[in-house]
Amino acid sequence: MRAIQFQEYGGPEVLTVTEAPVPAPAAGQISIDVAYTGVNFADLKARSEGYRVPSLPYVPGLEVSGRVREVGAGVEGFTAGQEVVALTEGGAYAEVVVAAAATVFPLPDGVDLRTAATLPTVLPTAHALLHEVGRLRAGESVLVQGAAGGVGTVVGQLAKAAGAGAVYGVVSSGAKAKYALEHGYDEVFVGDSGDGFAAEVRAATGGRGVDLALDPVGGDALRGGLDALAVFGRLVSFGNASSAEPWRVGQPELYPAGLGVFGFSILSLAASAPQSLREIAARAYAKVADGTVTLPVTAEFPLADAAGAHRLMGNRTSTGKLLLRVTAA
């Protein structure tokens, strides 16, 4: 089978097409003939700096849609040829991938394979950030870093559907701001400086700040999110796209206004609490099936041009979701 791998860390050029053995599922696993693979920023961090890479060479990729090829011992409820979506531990840039049965889901009603490939990481993450971790209540305000990305696109819509009083976004360009305003955001701030957007959020909220801030960037952006919180506000960190030094926050920042800081990683949850992941995913996928949420595929690349997808995402001009077309018919 064809797969995309890298043998050293570096730019998109290290991604190469290779022939690899077709993997067979072990007990508790399912192998999938891949139709589409989602491209995530975590894939770029894996390629450039070894994020979650156990060894080299490595085939990146965390989410797929496709059809069940084979089920391993002890797996029930899935049959060969069944259309599914899956969250993987890597290896998704390939024609066949193996995933733990706990992270494989039947295709949601009314959703095709192309649309389904946008779901496995983005939808459960967005739902958890707002509800299970962020505990958003109707009427509260939300601030989202990376508002024009995959998670940001979904968060804006989910927050509005949940009755958020106001949804604010932070993006890196005017074009991204226009996109975010079309997907649930009331106001979008352009820029990368934590101090800059925190002051703008304060101004937009009459000095109050927001109830919930969601941050995948880390570094100065995370500090800016803390500075933008209202009394009793919560911040959820769900990534470190800036590759800044690990942040620390304690009594001086939290005590005066009763702030809370939380963390979330869908990959960590999949490993530590797969049943919780399944419950969150079921709730999140229902929002796609009922039309509450749409996630536009803004660019699609053939598997052999995974490097092109990485270049587009890496230059920070992309919005929505990027896909690799693998064996879709």
C-alpha atoms as a PDB file:
ATOM      1  CA  MET A   1       0.000   0.000   0.000  1.00  0.00           C
ATOM      2  CA  ARG A   2       1.009   3.643  -0.391  1.00  0.00           C
ATOM      3  CA  ALA A   3       1.831   5.663   2.695  1.00  0.00           C
ATOM      4  CA  ILE A   4       3.385   9.045   3.444  1.00  0.00           C
ATOM      5  CA  GLN A   5       6.273   8.979   5.881  1.00  0.00           C
ATOM      6  CA  PHE A   6       9.193  11.047   7.077  1.00  0.00           C
ATOM      7  CA  GLN A   7      12.586   9.709   8.126  1.00  0.00           C
ATOM      8  CA  GLU A   8      13.842  12.954   9.632  1.00  0.00           C
ATOM      9  CA  TYR A   9      12.292  16.082  11.094  1.00  0.00           C
ATOM     10  CA  GLY A  10      12.025  19.153   8.924  1.00  0.00           C
ATOM     11  CA  GLY A  11       9.828  21.041   6.482  1.00  0.00           C
ATOM     12  CA  PRO A  12       7.110  19.618   4.223  1.00  0.00           C
ATOM     13  CA  GLU A  13       9.788  18.325   1.856  1.00  0.00           C
ATOM     14  CA  VAL A  14      10.630  15.481   4.271  1.00  0.00           C
ATOM     15  CA  LEU A  15       7.240  13.870   3.537  1.00  0.00           C
ATOM     16  CA  THR A  16       7.737  11.117   0.962  1.00  0.00           C
ATOM     17  CA  VAL A  17       5.536   8.507  -0.710  1.00  0.00           C
ATOM     18  CA  THR A  18       6.551   4.969   0.159  1.00  0.00           C
ATOM     19  CA  GLU A  19       5.295   1.413  -0.238  1.00  0.00           C
ATOM     20  CA  ALA A  20       4.489  -0.185   3.099  1.00  0.00           C
ATOM     21  CA  PRO A  21       3.042  -3.523   4.248  1.00  0.00           C
ATOM     22  CA  VAL A  22      -0.710  -3.585   4.798  1.00  0.00           C
ATOM     23  CA  PRO A  23      -1.237  -3.600   8.581  1.00  0.00           C
ATOM     24  CA  ALA A  24      -3.390  -6.295  10.174  1.00  0.00           C
ATOM     25  CA  PRO A  25      -5.498  -5.571  13.245  1.00  0.00           C
ATOM     26  CA  ALA A  26      -4.507  -7.050  16.578  1.00  0.00           C
ATOM     27  CA  ALA A  27      -7.043  -7.975  19.239  1.00  0.00           C
ATOM     28  CA  GLY A  28      -9.314  -5.022  19.939  1.00  0.00           C
ATOM     29  CA  GLN A  29      -8.379  -3.255  16.719  1.00  0.00           C
ATOM     30  CA  ILE A  30      -9.948  -2.568  13.323  1.00  0.00           C
ATOM     31  CA  SER A  31      -8.186  -2.034  10.005  1.00  0.00           C
ATOM     32  CA  ILE A  32      -9.739   0.517   7.650  1.00  0.00           C
ATOM     33  CA  ASP A  33      -9.474   1.106   3.913  1.00  0.00           C
ATOM     34  CA  VAL A  34      -9.003   4.865   4.003  1.00  0.00           C
ATOM     35  CA  ALA A  35     -11.115   7.166   1.852  1.00  0.00           C
ATOM     36  CA  TYR A  36     -10.062  10.539   3.266  1.00  0.00           C
ATOM     37  CA  THR A  37      -7.578  11.673   5.892  1.00  0.00           C
ATOM     38  CA  GLY A  38      -7.903  14.886   7.873  1.00  0.00           C
ATOM     39  CA  VAL A  39      -4.898  17.184   8.161  1.00  0.00           C
ATOM     40  CA  ASN A  40      -4.278  18.693  11.598  1.00  0.00           C
ATOM     41  CA  PHE A  41      -1.730  21.083  13.046  1.00  0.00           C
ATOM     42  CA  ALA A  42      -0.536  18.215  15.238  1.00  0.00           C
ATOM     43  CA  ASP A  43       0.650  16.519  12.028  1.00  0.00           C
ATOM     44  CA  LEU A  44       2.831  19.527  11.251  1.00  0.00           C
ATOM     45  CA  LYS A  45       4.290  19.504  14.763  1.00  0.00           C
ATOM     46  CA  ALA A  46       4.994  15.781  14.440  1.00  0.00           C
ATOM     47  CA  ARG A  47       6.853  16.358  11.168  1.00  0.00           C
ATOM     48  CA  SER A  48       8.787  19.418  12.297  1.00  0.00           C
ATOM     49  CA  GLU A  49       9.614  18.677  15.935  1.00  0.00           C
ATOM     50  CA  GLY A  50       8.631  15.083  16.750  1.00  0.00           C
ATOM     51  CA  TYR A  51       5.369  15.758  18.592  1.00  0.00           C
ATOM     52  CA  ARG A  52       4.042  12.347  19.747  1.00  0.00           C
ATOM     53  CA  VAL A  53       6.427  10.499  17.396  1.00  0.00           C
ATOM     54  CA  PRO A  54       7.659   7.288  19.070  1.00  0.00           C
ATOM     55  CA  SER A  55      10.348   6.525  16.475  1.00  0.00           C
ATOM     56  CA  LEU A  56      11.456   7.156  12.893  1.00  0.00           C
ATOM     57  CA  PRO A  57      10.482   6.549  10.129  1.00  0.00           C
ATOM     58  CA  TYR A  58       6.956   7.661  10.952  1.00  0.00           C
ATOM     59  CA  VAL A  59       3.628   7.843   9.120  1.00  0.00           C
ATOM     60  CA  PRO A  60       1.646  10.834  10.450  1.00  0.00           C
ATOM     61  CA  GLY A  61      -2.099  11.383  10.570  1.00  0.00           C
ATOM     62  CA  LEU A  62      -4.729  11.155  13.303  1.00  0.00           C
ATOM     63  CA  GLU A  63      -8.142  10.849  11.646  1.00  0.00           C
ATOM     64  CA  VAL A  64      -9.727   9.034   8.734  1.00  0.00           C
ATOM     65  CA  SER A  65     -12.958   8.092   7.095  1.00  0.00           C
ATOM     66  CA  GLY A  66     -13.281   4.864   5.155  1.00  0.00           C
ATOM     67  CA  ARG A  67     -14.573   1.310   5.192  1.00  0.00           C
ATOM     68  CA  VAL A  68     -13.836  -1.504   7.613  1.00  0.00           C
ATOM     69  CA  ARG A  69     -11.318  -3.880   6.075  1.00  0.00           C
ATOM     70  CA  GLU A  70     -10.902  -6.389   8.910  1.00  0.00           C
ATOM     71  CA  VAL A  71     -11.799  -6.656  12.590  1.00  0.00           C
ATOM     72  CA  GLY A  72      -9.465  -8.040  15.211  1.00  0.00           C
ATOM     73  CA  ALA A  73     -10.269 -10.599  17.864  1.00  0.00           C
ATOM     74  CA  GLY A  74     -12.809  -9.500  20.425  1.00  0.00           C
ATOM     75  CA  VAL A  75     -14.257  -6.664  18.339  1.00  0.00           C
ATOM     76  CA  GLU A  76     -18.026  -6.606  18.051  1.00  0.00           C
ATOM     77  CA  GLY A  77     -20.478  -4.346  16.264  1.00  0.00           C
ATOM     78  CA  PHE A  78     -18.428  -3.766  13.098  1.00  0.00           C
ATOM     79  CA  THR A  79     -18.451  -5.638   9.791  1.00  0.00           C
ATOM     80  CA  ALA A  80     -16.242  -5.621   6.710  1.00  0.00           C
ATOM     81  CA  GLY A  81     -17.262  -2.894   4.278  1.00  0.00           C
ATOM     82  CA  GLN A  82     -19.031  -0.781   6.909  1.00  0.00           C
ATOM     83  CA  GLU A  83     -18.446   2.970   6.528  1.00  0.00           C
ATOM     84  CA  VAL A  84     -16.719   4.459   9.577  1.00  0.00           C
ATOM     85  CA  VAL A  85     -14.737   7.367  10.940  1.00  0.00           C
ATOM     86  CA  ALA A  86     -11.794   6.851  13.270  1.00  0.00           C
ATOM     87  CA  LEU A  87      -9.326   8.609  15.505  1.00  0.00           C
ATOM     88  CA  THR A  88      -5.909   6.981  15.262  1.00  0.00           C
ATOM     89  CA  GLU A  89      -2.621   7.116  17.140  1.00  0.00           C
ATOM     90  CA  GLY A  90      -0.797   7.936  13.907  1.00  0.00           C
ATOM     91  CA  GLY A  91      -0.422   6.233  10.554  1.00  0.00           C
ATOM     92  CA  ALA A  92      -3.456   7.832   8.883  1.00  0.00           C
ATOM     93  CA  TYR A  93      -1.548   9.139   5.830  1.00  0.00           C
ATOM     94  CA  ALA A  94      -1.914   5.728   4.203  1.00  0.00           C
ATOM     95  CA  GLU A  95      -4.277   3.583   2.150  1.00  0.00           C
ATOM     96  CA  VAL A  96      -4.906   1.290   5.142  1.00  0.00           C
ATOM     97  CA  VAL A  97      -4.730   2.212   8.820  1.00  0.00           C
ATOM     98  CA  VAL A  98      -5.286   0.335  12.076  1.00  0.00           C
ATOM     99  CA  ALA A  99      -7.193   1.923  14.953  1.00  0.00           C
ATOM    100  CA  ALA A 100      -8.382   0.814  18.369  1.00  0.00           C
ATOM    101  CA  ALA A 101     -12.021  -0.263  18.120  1.00  0.00           C
ATOM    102  CA  ALA A 102     -12.858   2.182  20.941  1.00  0.00           C
ATOM    103  CA  THR A 103     -11.975   5.097  18.650  1.00  0.00           C
ATOM    104  CA  VAL A 104     -13.848   3.870  15.561  1.00  0.00           C
ATOM    105  CA  PHE A 105     -17.404   5.114  14.974  1.00  0.00           C
ATOM    106  CA  PRO A 106     -20.086   4.220  12.439  1.00  0.00           C
ATOM    107  CA  LEU A 107     -20.658   7.018   9.944  1.00  0.00           C
ATOM    108  CA  PRO A 108     -23.200   9.483  11.390  1.00  0.00           C
ATOM    109  CA  ASP A 109     -26.594   9.486   9.668  1.00  0.00           C
ATOM    110  CA  GLY A 110     -26.693  11.616   6.543  1.00  0.00           C
ATOM    111  CA  VAL A 111     -22.932  12.239   6.508  1.00  0.00           C
ATOM    112  CA  ASP A 112     -20.797  11.151   3.541  1.00  0.00           C
ATOM    113  CA  LEU A 113     -17.212   9.900   3.731  1.00  0.00           C
ATOM    114  CA  ARG A 114     -15.690  13.219   2.656  1.00  0.00           C
ATOM    115  CA  THR A 115     -17.536  15.211   5.308  1.00  0.00           C
ATOM    116  CA  ALA A 116     -16.918  12.497   7.896  1.00  0.00           C
ATOM    117  CA  ALA A 117     -13.154  12.888   7.599  1.00  0.00           C
ATOM    118  CA  THR A 118     -13.468  16.384   9.095  1.00  0.00           C
ATOM    119  CA  LEU A 119     -15.019  15.062  12.296  1.00  0.00           C
ATOM    120  CA  PRO A 120     -12.904  12.704  14.456  1.00  0.00           C
ATOM    121  CA  THR A 121     -10.577  15.215  16.137  1.00  0.00           C
ATOM    122  CA  VAL A 122     -12.360  18.517  15.575  1.00  0.00           C
ATOM    123  CA  LEU A 123     -15.955  17.828  16.622  1.00  0.00           C
ATOM    124  CA  PRO A 124     -15.322  16.030  19.946  1.00  0.00           C
ATOM    125  CA  THR A 125     -12.600  18.551  20.796  1.00  0.00           C
ATOM    126  CA  ALA A 126     -14.875  21.535  20.172  1.00  0.00           C
ATOM    127  CA  HIS A 127     -17.731  19.969  22.117  1.00  0.00           C
ATOM    128  CA  ALA A 128     -15.509  19.109  25.084  1.00  0.00           C
ATOM    129  CA  LEU A 129     -13.919  22.558  25.166  1.00  0.00           C
ATOM    130  CA  LEU A 130     -17.289  24.257  25.454  1.00  0.00           C
ATOM    131  CA  HIS A 131     -19.308  21.778  27.475  1.00  0.00           C
ATOM    132  CA  GLU A 132     -17.528  18.955  29.293  1.00  0.00           C
ATOM    133  CA  VAL A 133     -14.443  21.028  30.242  1.00  0.00           C
ATOM    134  CA  GLY A 134     -15.437  24.665  29.704  1.00  0.00           C
ATOM    135  CA  ARG A 135     -18.944  24.153  31.148  1.00  0.00           C
ATOM    136  CA  LEU A 136     -20.472  26.977  29.132  1.00  0.00           C
ATOM    137  CA  ARG A 137     -23.792  28.316  30.387  1.00  0.00           C
ATOM    138  CA  ALA A 138     -26.392  30.175  28.348  1.00  0.00           C
ATOM    139  CA  GLY A 139     -25.690  33.889  28.223  1.00  0.00           C
ATOM    140  CA  GLU A 140     -21.956  33.562  28.886  1.00  0.00           C
ATOM    141  CA  SER A 141     -19.303  35.002  26.579  1.00  0.00           C
ATOM    142  CA  VAL A 142     -16.555  33.008  24.838  1.00  0.00           C
ATOM    143  CA  LEU A 143     -13.149  33.974  23.404  1.00  0.00           C
ATOM    144  CA  VAL A 144     -11.514  31.619  20.899  1.00  0.00           C
ATOM    145  CA  GLN A 145      -7.943  31.707  19.607  1.00  0.00           C
ATOM    146  CA  GLY A 146      -7.570  30.428  16.027  1.00  0.00           C
ATOM    147  CA  ALA A 147     -11.208  31.212  15.270  1.00  0.00           C
ATOM    148  CA  ALA A 148     -10.877  30.420  11.553  1.00  0.00           C
ATOM    149  CA  GLY A 149      -9.313  26.974  11.948  1.00  0.00           C
ATOM    150  CA  GLY A 150     -11.123  23.658  12.128  1.00  0.00           C
ATOM    151  CA  VAL A 151     -11.820  23.678  15.867  1.00  0.00           C
ATOM    152  CA  GLY A 152     -12.503  27.412  15.826  1.00  0.00           C
ATOM    153  CA  THR A 153     -15.052  27.067  13.024  1.00  0.00           C
ATOM    154  CA  VAL A 154     -16.999  24.472  14.982  1.00  0.00           C
ATOM    155  CA  VAL A 155     -16.701  26.209  18.364  1.00  0.00           C
ATOM    156  CA  GLY A 156     -18.296  29.373  17.018  1.00  0.00           C
ATOM    157  CA  GLN A 157     -21.350  27.473  15.793  1.00  0.00           C
ATOM    158  CA  LEU A 158     -21.670  25.252  18.872  1.00  0.00           C
ATOM    159  CA  ALA A 159     -21.371  28.225  21.216  1.00  0.00           C
ATOM    160  CA  LYS A 160     -24.150  30.078  19.426  1.00  0.00           C
ATOM    161  CA  ALA A 161     -26.337  26.965  19.443  1.00  0.00           C
ATOM    162  CA  ALA A 162     -25.756  26.653  23.211  1.00  0.00           C
ATOM    163  CA  GLY A 163     -26.998  30.201  23.795  1.00  0.00           C
ATOM    164  CA  ALA A 164     -23.702  32.010  24.320  1.00  0.00           C
ATOM    165  CA  GLY A 165     -24.245  35.712  24.891  1.00  0.00           C
ATOM    166  CA  ALA A 166     -21.306  36.725  22.697  1.00  0.00           C
ATOM    167  CA  VAL A 167     -18.602  34.823  20.814  1.00  0.00           C
ATOM    168  CA  TYR A 168     -15.291  36.580  20.168  1.00  0.00           C
ATOM    169  CA  GLY A 169     -12.439  35.281  18.022  1.00  0.00           C
ATOM    170  CA  VAL A 170      -8.755  36.006  17.466  1.00  0.00           C
ATOM    171  CA  VAL A 171      -7.195  35.394  14.029  1.00  0.00           C
ATOM    172  CA  SER A 172      -4.023  36.356  12.177  1.00  0.00           C
ATOM    173  CA  SER A 173      -5.458  38.130   9.116  1.00  0.00           C
ATOM    174  CA  GLY A 174      -8.387  40.115   7.794  1.00  0.00           C
ATOM    175  CA  ALA A 175      -9.393  37.292   5.452  1.00  0.00           C
ATOM    176  CA  LYS A 176      -9.625  34.899   8.381  1.00  0.00           C
ATOM    177  CA  ALA A 177     -11.652  37.438  10.331  1.00  0.00           C
ATOM    178  CA  LYS A 178     -14.209  37.592   7.490  1.00  0.00           C
ATOM    179  CA  TYR A 179     -14.434  33.793   7.462  1.00  0.00           C
ATOM    180  CA  ALA A 180     -14.920  33.582  11.240  1.00  0.00           C
ATOM    181  CA  LEU A 181     -17.679  36.186  11.168  1.00  0.00           C
ATOM    182  CA  GLU A 182     -19.541  33.896   8.773  1.00  0.00           C
ATOM    183  CA  HIS A 183     -19.330  30.964  11.222  1.00  0.00           C
ATOM    184  CA  GLY A 184     -20.855  32.139  14.470  1.00  0.00           C
ATOM    185  CA  TYR A 185     -18.568  34.910  15.715  1.00  0.00           C
ATOM    186  CA  ASP A 186     -19.908  38.290  16.815  1.00  0.00           C
ATOM    187  CA  GLU A 187     -16.577  40.117  16.743  1.00  0.00           C
ATOM    188  CA  VAL A 188     -13.100  39.053  15.626  1.00  0.00           C
ATOM    189  CA  PHE A 189      -9.767  40.624  16.547  1.00  0.00           C
ATOM    190  CA  VAL A 190      -6.771  40.465  14.213  1.00  0.00           C
ATOM    191  CA  GLY A 191      -3.287  40.046  15.638  1.00  0.00           C
ATOM    192  CA  ASP A 192      -0.947  37.773  17.583  1.00  0.00           C
ATOM    193  CA  SER A 193      -0.117  39.870  20.645  1.00  0.00           C
ATOM    194  CA  GLY A 194      -1.680  38.654  23.858  1.00  0.00           C
ATOM    195  CA  ASP A 195      -1.682  42.158  25.305  1.00  0.00           C
ATOM    196  CA  GLY A 196      -3.300  43.564  22.172  1.00  0.00           C
ATOM    197  CA  PHE A 197      -6.316  41.288  21.956  1.00  0.00           C
ATOM    198  CA  ALA A 198      -6.835  41.252  25.728  1.00  0.00           C
ATOM    199  CA  ALA A 199      -7.251  45.016  25.676  1.00  0.00           C
ATOM    200  CA  GLU A 200      -9.634  44.776  22.713  1.00  0.00           C
ATOM    201  CA  VAL A 201     -11.721  42.142  24.488  1.00  0.00           C
ATOM    202  CA  ARG A 202     -11.923  44.325  27.574  1.00  0.00           C
ATOM    203  CA  ALA A 203     -13.047  47.240  25.437  1.00  0.00           C
ATOM    204  CA  ALA A 204     -15.660  45.139  23.616  1.00  0.00           C
ATOM    205  CA  THR A 205     -17.109  43.872  26.905  1.00  0.00           C
ATOM    206  CA  GLY A 206     -17.197  47.215  28.678  1.00  0.00           C
ATOM    207  CA  GLY A 207     -14.217  46.228  30.802  1.00  0.00           C
ATOM    208  CA  ARG A 208     -15.816  43.040  32.116  1.00  0.00           C
ATOM    209  CA  GLY A 209     -13.935  40.386  30.121  1.00  0.00           C
ATOM    210  CA  VAL A 210     -15.185  36.991  28.943  1.00  0.00           C
ATOM    211  CA  ASP A 211     -16.442  34.000  30.889  1.00  0.00           C
ATOM    212  CA  LEU A 212     -14.609  31.322  28.883  1.00  0.00           C
ATOM    213  CA  ALA A 213     -11.389  31.516  26.844  1.00  0.00           C
ATOM    214  CA  LEU A 214     -10.137  28.665  24.647  1.00  0.00           C
ATOM    215  CA  ASP A 215      -6.445  28.608  23.764  1.00  0.00           C
ATOM    216  CA  PRO A 216      -4.538  26.246  21.410  1.00  0.00           C
ATOM    217  CA  VAL A 217      -1.553  28.599  21.029  1.00  0.00           C
ATOM    218  CA  GLY A 218       0.170  28.867  24.402  1.00  0.00           C
ATOM    219  CA  GLY A 219       2.837  31.403  25.290  1.00  0.00           C
ATOM    220  CA  ASP A 220       1.810  35.054  25.081  1.00  0.00           C
ATOM    221  CA  ALA A 221      -1.599  34.117  23.666  1.00  0.00           C
ATOM    222  CA  LEU A 222      -2.415  32.052  26.736  1.00  0.00           C
ATOM    223  CA  ARG A 223      -1.383  34.893  29.018  1.00  0.00           C
ATOM    224  CA  GLY A 224      -3.557  37.221  26.960  1.00  0.00           C
ATOM    225  CA  GLY A 225      -6.476  34.848  27.383  1.00  0.00           C
ATOM    226  CA  LEU A 226      -6.028  34.936  31.157  1.00  0.00           C
ATOM    227  CA  ASP A 227      -5.909  38.730  31.071  1.00  0.00           C
ATOM    228  CA  ALA A 228      -9.172  38.778  29.088  1.00  0.00           C
ATOM    229  CA  LEU A 229     -11.161  36.722  31.644  1.00  0.00           C
ATOM    230  CA  ALA A 230     -13.999  38.116  33.717  1.00  0.00           C
ATOM    231  CA  VAL A 231     -14.281  37.446  37.443  1.00  0.00           C
ATOM    232  CA  PHE A 232     -14.760  33.682  37.926  1.00  0.00           C
ATOM    233  CA  GLY A 233     -13.756  33.112  34.301  1.00  0.00           C
ATOM    234  CA  ARG A 234     -12.294  29.850  32.958  1.00  0.00           C
ATOM    235  CA  LEU A 235      -9.519  29.233  30.460  1.00  0.00           C
ATOM    236  CA  VAL A 236      -9.077  25.907  28.675  1.00  0.00           C
ATOM    237  CA  SER A 237      -5.661  25.190  27.147  1.00  0.00           C
ATOM    238  CA  PHE A 238      -5.815  22.603  24.359  1.00  0.00           C
ATOM    239  CA  GLY A 239      -2.500  22.952  22.574  1.00  0.00           C
ATOM    240  CA  ASN A 240       0.799  24.792  22.264  1.00  0.00           C
ATOM    241  CA  ALA A 241       0.986  25.794  18.599  1.00  0.00           C
ATOM    242  CA  SER A 242       3.512  28.499  19.465  1.00  0.00           C
ATOM    243  CA  SER A 243       5.959  25.878  20.809  1.00  0.00           C
ATOM    244  CA  ALA A 244       6.598  28.280  23.687  1.00  0.00           C
ATOM    245  CA  GLU A 245       8.089  27.097  26.945  1.00  0.00           C
ATOM    246  CA  PRO A 246       5.523  25.232  29.089  1.00  0.00           C
ATOM    247  CA  TRP A 247       3.402  27.795  30.897  1.00  0.00           C
ATOM    248  CA  ARG A 248       2.897  28.048  34.611  1.00  0.00           C
ATOM    249  CA  VAL A 249       0.104  29.834  36.394  1.00  0.00           C
ATOM    250  CA  GLY A 250      -0.580  29.984  40.101  1.00  0.00           C
ATOM    251  CA  GLN A 251      -1.950  31.934  43.029  1.00  0.00           C
ATOM    252  CA  PRO A 252      -0.973  35.467  41.904  1.00  0.00           C
ATOM    253  CA  GLU A 253      -2.881  35.095  38.623  1.00  0.00           C
ATOM    254  CA  LEU A 254      -5.829  33.022  39.820  1.00  0.00           C
ATOM    255  CA  TYR A 255      -6.756  34.088  43.340  1.00  0.00           C
ATOM    256  CA  PRO A 256      -7.735  37.770  42.868  1.00  0.00           C
ATOM    257  CA  ALA A 257     -10.594  37.069  40.417  1.00  0.00           C
ATOM    258  CA  GLY A 258     -11.285  33.414  41.232  1.00  0.00           C
ATOM    259  CA  LEU A 259     -10.107  32.209  37.827  1.00  0.00           C
ATOM    260  CA  GLY A 260      -9.886  28.577  36.699  1.00  0.00           C
ATOM    261  CA  VAL A 261      -7.467  26.998  34.230  1.00  0.00           C
ATOM    262  CA  PHE A 262      -8.174  23.621  32.618  1.00  0.00           C
ATOM    263  CA  GLY A 263      -6.525  21.435  30.009  1.00  0.00           C
ATOM    264  CA  PHE A 264      -7.761  19.122  27.288  1.00  0.00           C
ATOM    265  CA  SER A 265      -6.241  16.772  24.709  1.00  0.00           C
ATOM    266  CA  ILE A 266      -8.440  14.454  22.695  1.00  0.00           C
ATOM    267  CA  LEU A 267      -5.509  12.095  22.087  1.00  0.00           C
ATOM    268  CA  SER A 268      -4.800  11.844  25.805  1.00  0.00           C
ATOM    269  CA  LEU A 269      -8.487  11.275  26.544  1.00  0.00           C
ATOM    270  CA  ALA A 270      -8.623   8.525  23.921  1.00  0.00           C
ATOM    271  CA  ALA A 271      -5.790   6.747  25.713  1.00  0.00           C
ATOM    272  CA  SER A 272      -6.939   7.265  29.291  1.00  0.00           C
ATOM    273  CA  ALA A 273     -10.744   7.299  29.083  1.00  0.00           C
ATOM    274  CA  PRO A 274     -11.963   5.893  25.737  1.00  0.00           C
ATOM    275  CA  GLN A 275     -15.532   5.472  26.959  1.00  0.00           C
ATOM    276  CA  SER A 276     -15.699   9.160  27.837  1.00  0.00           C
ATOM    277  CA  LEU A 277     -14.423   9.937  24.355  1.00  0.00           C
ATOM    278  CA  ARG A 278     -17.172   7.804  22.822  1.00  0.00           C
ATOM    279  CA  GLU A 279     -19.822   9.619  24.853  1.00  0.00           C
ATOM    280  CA  ILE A 280     -18.507  13.052  23.848  1.00  0.00           C
ATOM    281  CA  ALA A 281     -18.181  12.003  20.204  1.00  0.00           C
ATOM    282  CA  ALA A 282     -21.764  10.748  20.116  1.00  0.00           C
ATOM    283  CA  ARG A 283     -23.042  14.086  21.380  1.00  0.00           C
ATOM    284  CA  ALA A 284     -20.792  16.015  18.995  1.00  0.00           C
ATOM    285  CA  TYR A 285     -21.635  13.977  15.877  1.00  0.00           C
ATOM    286  CA  ALA A 286     -25.336  14.476  16.569  1.00  0.00           C
ATOM    287  CA  LYS A 287     -24.774  18.199  16.022  1.00  0.00           C
ATOM    288  CA  VAL A 288     -23.573  17.485  12.501  1.00  0.00           C
ATOM    289  CA  ALA A 289     -26.364  15.059  11.736  1.00  0.00           C
ATOM    290  CA  ASP A 290     -29.014  17.589  12.825  1.00  0.00           C
ATOM    291  CA  GLY A 291     -27.444  20.474  10.886  1.00  0.00           C
ATOM    292  CA  THR A 292     -26.317  22.522  13.890  1.00  0.00           C
ATOM    293  CA  VAL A 293     -22.695  22.440  12.725  1.00  0.00           C
ATOM    294  CA  THR A 294     -21.002  22.474   9.340  1.00  0.00           C
ATOM    295  CA  LEU A 295     -17.237  22.373   8.804  1.00  0.00           C
ATOM    296  CA  PRO A 296     -16.255  23.470   5.285  1.00  0.00           C
ATOM    297  CA  VAL A 297     -13.545  21.540   3.465  1.00  0.00           C
ATOM    298  CA  THR A 298     -11.578  24.462   2.096  1.00  0.00           C
ATOM    299  CA  ALA A 299      -8.820  22.481   0.356  1.00  0.00           C
ATOM    300  CA  GLU A 300      -8.327  18.886  -0.723  1.00  0.00           C
ATOM    301  CA  PHE A 301      -5.061  17.276  -1.820  1.00  0.00           C
ATOM    302  CA  PRO A 302      -4.239  13.815  -3.184  1.00  0.00           C
ATOM    303  CA  LEU A 303      -2.381  11.609  -0.724  1.00  0.00           C
ATOM    304  CA  ALA A 304       0.832  11.962  -2.734  1.00  0.00           C
ATOM    305  CA  ASP A 305       0.751  15.732  -2.204  1.00  0.00           C
ATOM    306  CA  ALA A 306       0.577  15.699   1.590  1.00  0.00           C
ATOM    307  CA  ALA A 307       3.469  18.148   1.501  1.00  0.00           C
ATOM    308  CA  GLY A 308       1.239  20.626  -0.315  1.00  0.00           C
ATOM    309  CA  ALA A 309      -1.361  20.400   2.437  1.00  0.00           C
ATOM    310  CA  HIS A 310       1.338  20.971   5.043  1.00  0.00           C
ATOM    311  CA  ARG A 311       2.645  24.018   3.188  1.00  0.00           C
ATOM    312  CA  LEU A 312      -0.808  25.546   3.009  1.00  0.00           C
ATOM    313  CA  MET A 313      -1.545  24.967   6.694  1.00  0.00           C
ATOM    314  CA  GLY A 314       1.933  26.024   7.719  1.00  0.00           C
ATOM    315  CA  ASN A 315       1.781  29.399   5.984  1.00  0.00           C
ATOM    316  CA  ARG A 316      -1.215  30.329   8.169  1.00  0.00           C
ATOM    317  CA  THR A 317      -3.517  31.301   5.322  1.00  0.00           C
ATOM    318  CA  SER A 318      -5.853  28.284   5.485  1.00  0.00           C
ATOM    319  CA  THR A 319      -9.315  28.267   7.024  1.00  0.00           C
ATOM    320  CA  GLY A 320     -11.761  25.460   7.830  1.00  0.00           C
ATOM    321  CA  LYS A 321     -10.559  21.921   7.219  1.00  0.00           C
ATOM    322  CA  LEU A 322      -7.907  20.438   4.903  1.00  0.00           C
ATOM    323  CA  LEU A 323      -8.203  16.866   3.636  1.00  0.00           C
ATOM    324  CA  LEU A 324      -6.085  14.270   1.844  1.00  0.00           C
ATOM    325  CA  ARG A 325      -7.972  12.220  -0.741  1.00  0.00           C
ATOM    326  CA  VAL A 326      -6.690   8.648  -0.429  1.00  0.00           C
ATOM    327  CA  THR A 327      -8.847   5.994  -2.107  1.00  0.00           C
ATOM    328  CA  ALA A 328     -12.251   7.691  -2.246  1.00  0.00           C
ATOM    329  CA  ALA A 329     -14.580   6.547  -4.998  1.00  0.00           C
END
